């Protein structure tokens, strides 16, 4: 999922710092070091953060899980 989080963030032309500021504005108390762990796969992301990210990116939840289904992988 980390790769998808990174892809969406870069597609929105946001730095981790700016994204975290926007998440905090929306009530998700996430620091850059925590978000970095989401992108690196070291930490599982909370559902409340995914909900906020979906609103920021204007995407479907499928975007976060793209390529994670074992049937989709080569």
PDB file of N, CA and C in Angstrom:
ATOM      1  N   UNK A   1       0.824  -1.191   0.000  1.00  0.00           N
ATOM      2  CA  UNK A   1       0.000   0.000   0.000  1.00  0.00           C
ATOM      3  C   UNK A   1       0.871   1.259   0.000  1.00  0.00           C
ATOM      4  N   UNK A   2       2.061   1.162   0.560  1.00  0.00           N
ATOM      5  CA  UNK A   2       2.937   2.314   0.635  1.00  0.00           C
ATOM      6  C   UNK A   2       3.245   2.909  -0.725  1.00  0.00           C
ATOM      7  N   UNK A   3       3.462   2.044  -1.712  1.00  0.00           N
ATOM      8  CA  UNK A   3       3.744   2.532  -3.067  1.00  0.00           C
ATOM      9  C   UNK A   3       2.568   3.328  -3.615  1.00  0.00           C
ATOM     10  N   UNK A   4       1.350   2.860  -3.325  1.00  0.00           N
ATOM     11  CA  UNK A   4       0.151   3.568  -3.781  1.00  0.00           C
ATOM     12  C   UNK A   4       0.010   4.913  -3.073  1.00  0.00           C
ATOM     13  N   UNK A   5       0.317   4.951  -1.781  1.00  0.00           N
ATOM     14  CA  UNK A   5       0.257   6.212  -1.044  1.00  0.00           C
ATOM     15  C   UNK A   5       1.254   7.215  -1.626  1.00  0.00           C
ATOM     16  N   UNK A   6       2.446   6.752  -1.930  1.00  0.00           N
ATOM     17  CA  UNK A   6       3.483   7.612  -2.501  1.00  0.00           C
ATOM     18  C   UNK A   6       3.069   8.099  -3.894  1.00  0.00           C
ATOM     19  N   UNK A   7       2.546   7.191  -4.704  1.00  0.00           N
ATOM     20  CA  UNK A   7       2.112   7.538  -6.065  1.00  0.00           C
ATOM     21  C   UNK A   7       1.026   8.610  -6.033  1.00  0.00           C
ATOM     22  N   UNK A   8       0.057   8.439  -5.164  1.00  0.00           N
ATOM     23  CA  UNK A   8      -1.036   9.414  -5.073  1.00  0.00           C
ATOM     24  C   UNK A   8      -0.529  10.761  -4.572  1.00  0.00           C
ATOM     25  N   UNK A   9       0.348  10.740  -3.585  1.00  0.00           N
ATOM     26  CA  UNK A   9       0.885  11.989  -3.042  1.00  0.00           C
ATOM     27  C   UNK A   9       1.690  12.741  -4.104  1.00  0.00           C
ATOM     28  N   UNK A  10       2.553  12.015  -4.801  1.00  0.00           N
ATOM     29  CA  UNK A  10       3.363  12.661  -5.834  1.00  0.00           C
ATOM     30  C   UNK A  10       2.494  13.134  -6.998  1.00  0.00           C
ATOM     31  N   UNK A  11       1.455  12.362  -7.316  1.00  0.00           N
ATOM     32  CA  UNK A  11       0.527  12.774  -8.365  1.00  0.00           C
ATOM     33  C   UNK A  11      -0.203  14.057  -8.021  1.00  0.00           C
ATOM     34  N   UNK A  12      -0.412  14.273  -6.719  1.00  0.00           N
ATOM     35  CA  UNK A  12      -1.054  15.508  -6.259  1.00  0.00           C
ATOM     36  C   UNK A  12      -0.034  16.629  -6.055  1.00  0.00           C
ATOM     37  N   UNK A  13       1.258  16.321  -6.340  1.00  0.00           N
ATOM     38  CA  UNK A  13       2.348  17.293  -6.199  1.00  0.00           C
ATOM     39  C   UNK A  13       2.439  17.847  -4.780  1.00  0.00           C
ATOM     40  N   UNK A  14       2.345  16.939  -3.807  1.00  0.00           N
ATOM     41  CA  UNK A  14       2.441  17.325  -2.399  1.00  0.00           C
ATOM     42  C   UNK A  14       3.680  16.708  -1.771  1.00  0.00           C
ATOM     43  N   UNK A  15       4.351  17.468  -0.941  1.00  0.00           N
ATOM     44  CA  UNK A  15       5.429  16.901  -0.125  1.00  0.00           C
ATOM     45  C   UNK A  15       4.778  16.192   1.055  1.00  0.00           C
ATOM     46  N   UNK A  16       5.538  15.356   1.721  1.00  0.00           N
ATOM     47  CA  UNK A  16       4.996  14.703   2.913  1.00  0.00           C
ATOM     48  C   UNK A  16       4.598  15.750   3.950  1.00  0.00           C
ATOM     49  N   UNK A  17       5.389  16.813   4.086  1.00  0.00           N
ATOM     50  CA  UNK A  17       5.095  17.860   5.053  1.00  0.00           C
ATOM     51  C   UNK A  17       3.770  18.560   4.746  1.00  0.00           C
ATOM     52  N   UNK A  18       3.569  18.916   3.470  1.00  0.00           N
ATOM     53  CA  UNK A  18       2.328  19.602   3.095  1.00  0.00           C
ATOM     54  C   UNK A  18       1.121  18.683   3.239  1.00  0.00           C
ATOM     55  N   UNK A  19       1.306  17.410   2.890  1.00  0.00           N
ATOM     56  CA  UNK A  19       0.205  16.469   3.044  1.00  0.00           C
ATOM     57  C   UNK A  19      -0.162  16.320   4.516  1.00  0.00           C
ATOM     58  N   UNK A  20       0.834  16.197   5.389  1.00  0.00           N
ATOM     59  CA  UNK A  20       0.564  16.054   6.818  1.00  0.00           C
ATOM     60  C   UNK A  20      -0.117  17.296   7.381  1.00  0.00           C
ATOM     61  N   UNK A  21       0.268  18.474   6.892  1.00  0.00           N
ATOM     62  CA  UNK A  21      -0.403  19.703   7.324  1.00  0.00           C
ATOM     63  C   UNK A  21      -1.876  19.679   6.928  1.00  0.00           C
ATOM     64  N   UNK A  22      -2.159  19.206   5.725  1.00  0.00           N
ATOM     65  CA  UNK A  22      -3.552  19.108   5.277  1.00  0.00           C
ATOM     66  C   UNK A  22      -4.314  18.060   6.093  1.00  0.00           C
ATOM     67  N   UNK A  23      -3.668  16.936   6.385  1.00  0.00           N
ATOM     68  CA  UNK A  23      -4.309  15.915   7.219  1.00  0.00           C
ATOM     69  C   UNK A  23      -4.613  16.474   8.609  1.00  0.00           C
ATOM     70  N   UNK A  24      -3.679  17.214   9.164  1.00  0.00           N
ATOM     71  CA  UNK A  24      -3.899  17.808  10.485  1.00  0.00           C
ATOM     72  C   UNK A  24      -5.042  18.805  10.448  1.00  0.00           C
ATOM     73  N   UNK A  25      -5.122  19.561   9.370  1.00  0.00           N
ATOM     74  CA  UNK A  25      -6.226  20.515   9.208  1.00  0.00           C
ATOM     75  C   UNK A  25      -7.570  19.800   9.193  1.00  0.00           C
ATOM     76  N   UNK A  26      -7.553  18.563   8.708  1.00  0.00           N
ATOM     77  CA  UNK A  26      -8.779  17.767   8.632  1.00  0.00           C
ATOM     78  C   UNK A  26      -8.989  16.890   9.865  1.00  0.00           C
ATOM     79  N   UNK A  27      -8.184  17.083  10.908  1.00  0.00           N
ATOM     80  CA  UNK A  27      -8.401  16.379  12.170  1.00  0.00           C
ATOM     81  C   UNK A  27      -7.595  15.108  12.366  1.00  0.00           C
ATOM     82  N   UNK A  28      -6.678  14.796  11.463  1.00  0.00           N
ATOM     83  CA  UNK A  28      -5.813  13.617  11.606  1.00  0.00           C
ATOM     84  C   UNK A  28      -4.456  14.092  12.109  1.00  0.00           C
ATOM     85  N   UNK A  29      -4.137  13.764  13.338  1.00  0.00           N
ATOM     86  CA  UNK A  29      -2.878  14.224  13.927  1.00  0.00           C
ATOM     87  C   UNK A  29      -1.745  13.299  13.487  1.00  0.00           C
ATOM     88  N   UNK A  30      -1.239  13.538  12.286  1.00  0.00           N
ATOM     89  CA  UNK A  30      -0.203  12.701  11.683  1.00  0.00           C
ATOM     90  C   UNK A  30       1.023  13.562  11.423  1.00  0.00           C
ATOM     91  N   UNK A  31       2.158  13.129  11.925  1.00  0.00           N
ATOM     92  CA  UNK A  31       3.414  13.810  11.655  1.00  0.00           C
ATOM     93  C   UNK A  31       4.084  13.211  10.425  1.00  0.00           C
ATOM     94  N   UNK A  32       5.065  13.930   9.896  1.00  0.00           N
ATOM     95  CA  UNK A  32       5.744  13.479   8.696  1.00  0.00           C
ATOM     96  C   UNK A  32       6.441  12.143   8.914  1.00  0.00           C
ATOM     97  N   UNK A  33       7.055  11.935  10.071  1.00  0.00           N
ATOM     98  CA  UNK A  33       7.762  10.667  10.301  1.00  0.00           C
ATOM     99  C   UNK A  33       6.792   9.487  10.332  1.00  0.00           C
ATOM    100  N   UNK A  34       5.607   9.707  10.859  1.00  0.00           N
ATOM    101  CA  UNK A  34       4.590   8.646  10.855  1.00  0.00           C
ATOM    102  C   UNK A  34       4.134   8.372   9.433  1.00  0.00           C
ATOM    103  N   UNK A  35       3.871   9.440   8.667  1.00  0.00           N
ATOM    104  CA  UNK A  35       3.424   9.246   7.289  1.00  0.00           C
ATOM    105  C   UNK A  35       4.494   8.559   6.461  1.00  0.00           C
ATOM    106  N   UNK A  36       5.746   8.888   6.714  1.00  0.00           N
ATOM    107  CA  UNK A  36       6.850   8.236   6.009  1.00  0.00           C
ATOM    108  C   UNK A  36       6.826   6.723   6.258  1.00  0.00           C
ATOM    109  N   UNK A  37       6.459   6.327   7.469  1.00  0.00           N
ATOM    110  CA  UNK A  37       6.359   4.890   7.798  1.00  0.00           C
ATOM    111  C   UNK A  37       5.188   4.237   7.059  1.00  0.00           C
ATOM    112  N   UNK A  38       4.119   4.988   6.818  1.00  0.00           N
ATOM    113  CA  UNK A  38       3.014   4.455   6.008  1.00  0.00           C
ATOM    114  C   UNK A  38       3.512   4.152   4.605  1.00  0.00           C
ATOM    115  N   UNK A  39       4.242   5.102   4.022  1.00  0.00           N
ATOM    116  CA  UNK A  39       4.722   4.933   2.648  1.00  0.00           C
ATOM    117  C   UNK A  39       5.778   3.838   2.535  1.00  0.00           C
ATOM    118  N   UNK A  40       6.556   3.641   3.582  1.00  0.00           N
ATOM    119  CA  UNK A  40       7.604   2.614   3.531  1.00  0.00           C
ATOM    120  C   UNK A  40       7.075   1.236   3.923  1.00  0.00           C
ATOM    121  N   UNK A  41       5.830   1.170   4.387  1.00  0.00           N
ATOM    122  CA  UNK A  41       5.243  -0.106   4.777  1.00  0.00           C
ATOM    123  C   UNK A  41       5.606  -0.546   6.183  1.00  0.00           C
ATOM    124  N   UNK A  42       6.248   0.316   6.953  1.00  0.00           N
ATOM    125  CA  UNK A  42       6.629  -0.018   8.319  1.00  0.00           C
ATOM    126  C   UNK A  42       5.460   0.066   9.291  1.00  0.00           C
ATOM    127  N   UNK A  43       4.429   0.791   8.928  1.00  0.00           N
ATOM    128  CA  UNK A  43       3.292   1.026   9.815  1.00  0.00           C
ATOM    129  C   UNK A  43       2.005   0.930   9.012  1.00  0.00           C
ATOM    130  N   UNK A  44       1.012   0.276   9.578  1.00  0.00           N
ATOM    131  CA  UNK A  44      -0.295   0.189   8.920  1.00  0.00           C
ATOM    132  C   UNK A  44      -1.052   1.496   9.111  1.00  0.00           C
ATOM    133  N   UNK A  45      -1.688   1.933   8.045  1.00  0.00           N
ATOM    134  CA  UNK A  45      -2.413   3.206   8.067  1.00  0.00           C
ATOM    135  C   UNK A  45      -3.789   3.017   8.703  1.00  0.00           C
ATOM    136  N   UNK A  46      -4.217   4.007   9.458  1.00  0.00           N
ATOM    137  CA  UNK A  46      -5.535   3.956  10.106  1.00  0.00           C
ATOM    138  C   UNK A  46      -6.622   4.275   9.089  1.00  0.00           C
ATOM    139  N   UNK A  47      -7.789   3.715   9.308  1.00  0.00           N
ATOM    140  CA  UNK A  47      -8.922   3.939   8.403  1.00  0.00           C
ATOM    141  C   UNK A  47      -9.280   5.418   8.344  1.00  0.00           C
ATOM    142  N   UNK A  48      -9.206   6.122   9.459  1.00  0.00           N
ATOM    143  CA  UNK A  48      -9.558   7.547   9.471  1.00  0.00           C
ATOM    144  C   UNK A  48      -8.622   8.355   8.566  1.00  0.00           C
ATOM    145  N   UNK A  49      -7.364   7.942   8.469  1.00  0.00           N
ATOM    146  CA  UNK A  49      -6.415   8.629   7.598  1.00  0.00           C
ATOM    147  C   UNK A  49      -6.752   8.328   6.138  1.00  0.00           C
ATOM    148  N   UNK A  50      -7.111   7.074   5.843  1.00  0.00           N
ATOM    149  CA  UNK A  50      -7.508   6.734   4.467  1.00  0.00           C
ATOM    150  C   UNK A  50      -8.733   7.534   4.034  1.00  0.00           C
ATOM    151  N   UNK A  51      -9.667   7.715   4.936  1.00  0.00           N
ATOM    152  CA  UNK A  51     -10.866   8.490   4.615  1.00  0.00           C
ATOM    153  C   UNK A  51     -10.485   9.928   4.264  1.00  0.00           C
ATOM    154  N   UNK A  52      -9.605  10.512   5.061  1.00  0.00           N
ATOM    155  CA  UNK A  52      -9.164  11.880   4.798  1.00  0.00           C
ATOM    156  C   UNK A  52      -8.370  11.959   3.488  1.00  0.00           C
ATOM    157  N   UNK A  53      -7.504  10.984   3.247  1.00  0.00           N
ATOM    158  CA  UNK A  53      -6.714  10.980   2.018  1.00  0.00           C
ATOM    159  C   UNK A  53      -7.597  10.857   0.782  1.00  0.00           C
ATOM    160  N   UNK A  54      -8.632  10.036   0.865  1.00  0.00           N
ATOM    161  CA  UNK A  54      -9.543   9.889  -0.270  1.00  0.00           C
ATOM    162  C   UNK A  54     -10.176  11.234  -0.617  1.00  0.00           C
ATOM    163  N   UNK A  55     -10.512  12.021   0.409  1.00  0.00           N
ATOM    164  CA  UNK A  55     -11.112  13.336   0.177  1.00  0.00           C
ATOM    165  C   UNK A  55     -10.085  14.308  -0.400  1.00  0.00           C
ATOM    166  N   UNK A  56      -8.857  14.234   0.077  1.00  0.00           N
ATOM    167  CA  UNK A  56      -7.801  15.120  -0.430  1.00  0.00           C
ATOM    168  C   UNK A  56      -7.505  14.815  -1.891  1.00  0.00           C
ATOM    169  N   UNK A  57      -7.382  13.524  -2.212  1.00  0.00           N
ATOM    170  CA  UNK A  57      -7.009  13.116  -3.567  1.00  0.00           C
ATOM    171  C   UNK A  57      -8.197  13.003  -4.521  1.00  0.00           C
ATOM    172  N   UNK A  58      -9.412  13.046  -4.004  1.00  0.00           N
ATOM    173  CA  UNK A  58     -10.618  12.888  -4.832  1.00  0.00           C
ATOM    174  C   UNK A  58     -10.532  11.589  -5.645  1.00  0.00           C
ATOM    175  N   UNK A  59     -10.243  10.498  -4.937  1.00  0.00           N
ATOM    176  CA  UNK A  59     -10.101   9.200  -5.605  1.00  0.00           C
ATOM    177  C   UNK A  59     -10.996   8.172  -4.923  1.00  0.00           C
ATOM    178  N   UNK A  60     -11.027   6.985  -5.489  1.00  0.00           N
ATOM    179  CA  UNK A  60     -11.775   5.896  -4.871  1.00  0.00           C
ATOM    180  C   UNK A  60     -10.845   5.147  -3.912  1.00  0.00           C
ATOM    181  N   UNK A  61     -11.409   4.393  -3.023  1.00  0.00           N
ATOM    182  CA  UNK A  61     -10.600   3.589  -2.105  1.00  0.00           C
ATOM    183  C   UNK A  61      -9.784   2.550  -2.865  1.00  0.00           C
ATOM    184  N   UNK A  62     -10.260   2.146  -4.028  1.00  0.00           N
ATOM    185  CA  UNK A  62      -9.520   1.171  -4.841  1.00  0.00           C
ATOM    186  C   UNK A  62      -8.109   1.646  -5.163  1.00  0.00           C
ATOM    187  N   UNK A  63      -7.929   2.947  -5.293  1.00  0.00           N
ATOM    188  CA  UNK A  63      -6.607   3.493  -5.604  1.00  0.00           C
ATOM    189  C   UNK A  63      -5.571   3.124  -4.542  1.00  0.00           C
ATOM    190  N   UNK A  64      -6.005   3.040  -3.292  1.00  0.00           N
ATOM    191  CA  UNK A  64      -5.084   2.714  -2.201  1.00  0.00           C
ATOM    192  C   UNK A  64      -4.663   1.248  -2.232  1.00  0.00           C
ATOM    193  N   UNK A  65      -5.528   0.393  -2.760  1.00  0.00           N
ATOM    194  CA  UNK A  65      -5.294  -1.048  -2.717  1.00  0.00           C
ATOM    195  C   UNK A  65      -4.885  -1.634  -4.065  1.00  0.00           C
ATOM    196  N   UNK A  66      -4.669  -0.793  -5.054  1.00  0.00           N
ATOM    197  CA  UNK A  66      -4.306  -1.239  -6.397  1.00  0.00           C
ATOM    198  C   UNK A  66      -3.074  -2.140  -6.352  1.00  0.00           C
ATOM    199  N   UNK A  67      -3.195  -3.303  -6.962  1.00  0.00           N
ATOM    200  CA  UNK A  67      -2.077  -4.240  -7.048  1.00  0.00           C
ATOM    201  C   UNK A  67      -1.844  -5.088  -5.825  1.00  0.00           C
ATOM    202  N   UNK A  68      -2.655  -4.923  -4.784  1.00  0.00           N
ATOM    203  CA  UNK A  68      -2.437  -5.689  -3.556  1.00  0.00           C
ATOM    204  C   UNK A  68      -3.173  -7.022  -3.541  1.00  0.00           C
ATOM    205  N   UNK A  69      -4.165  -7.173  -4.394  1.00  0.00           N
ATOM    206  CA  UNK A  69      -4.906  -8.432  -4.473  1.00  0.00           C
ATOM    207  C   UNK A  69      -4.005  -9.473  -5.118  1.00  0.00           C
ATOM    208  N   UNK A  70      -3.835 -10.596  -4.473  1.00  0.00           N
ATOM    209  CA  UNK A  70      -2.909 -11.619  -4.967  1.00  0.00           C
ATOM    210  C   UNK A  70      -3.311 -12.119  -6.367  1.00  0.00           C
ATOM    211  N   UNK A  71      -4.587 -12.030  -6.719  1.00  0.00           N
ATOM    212  CA  UNK A  71      -5.022 -12.462  -8.044  1.00  0.00           C
ATOM    213  C   UNK A  71      -4.553 -11.494  -9.128  1.00  0.00           C
ATOM    214  N   UNK A  72      -4.282 -10.222  -8.749  1.00  0.00           N
ATOM    215  CA  UNK A  72      -3.847  -9.227  -9.730  1.00  0.00           C
ATOM    216  C   UNK A  72      -2.348  -9.302 -10.003  1.00  0.00           C
ATOM    217  N   UNK A  73      -1.592  -9.888  -9.098  1.00  0.00           N
ATOM    218  CA  UNK A  73      -0.143  -9.922  -9.237  1.00  0.00           C
ATOM    219  C   UNK A  73       0.279 -11.010 -10.202  1.00  0.00           C
ATOM    220  N   UNK A  74       1.357 -10.750 -10.975  1.00  0.00           N
ATOM    221  CA  UNK A  74       1.799 -11.730 -11.981  1.00  0.00           C
ATOM    222  C   UNK A  74       2.374 -12.993 -11.348  1.00  0.00           C
TER     223      UNK A  74
END
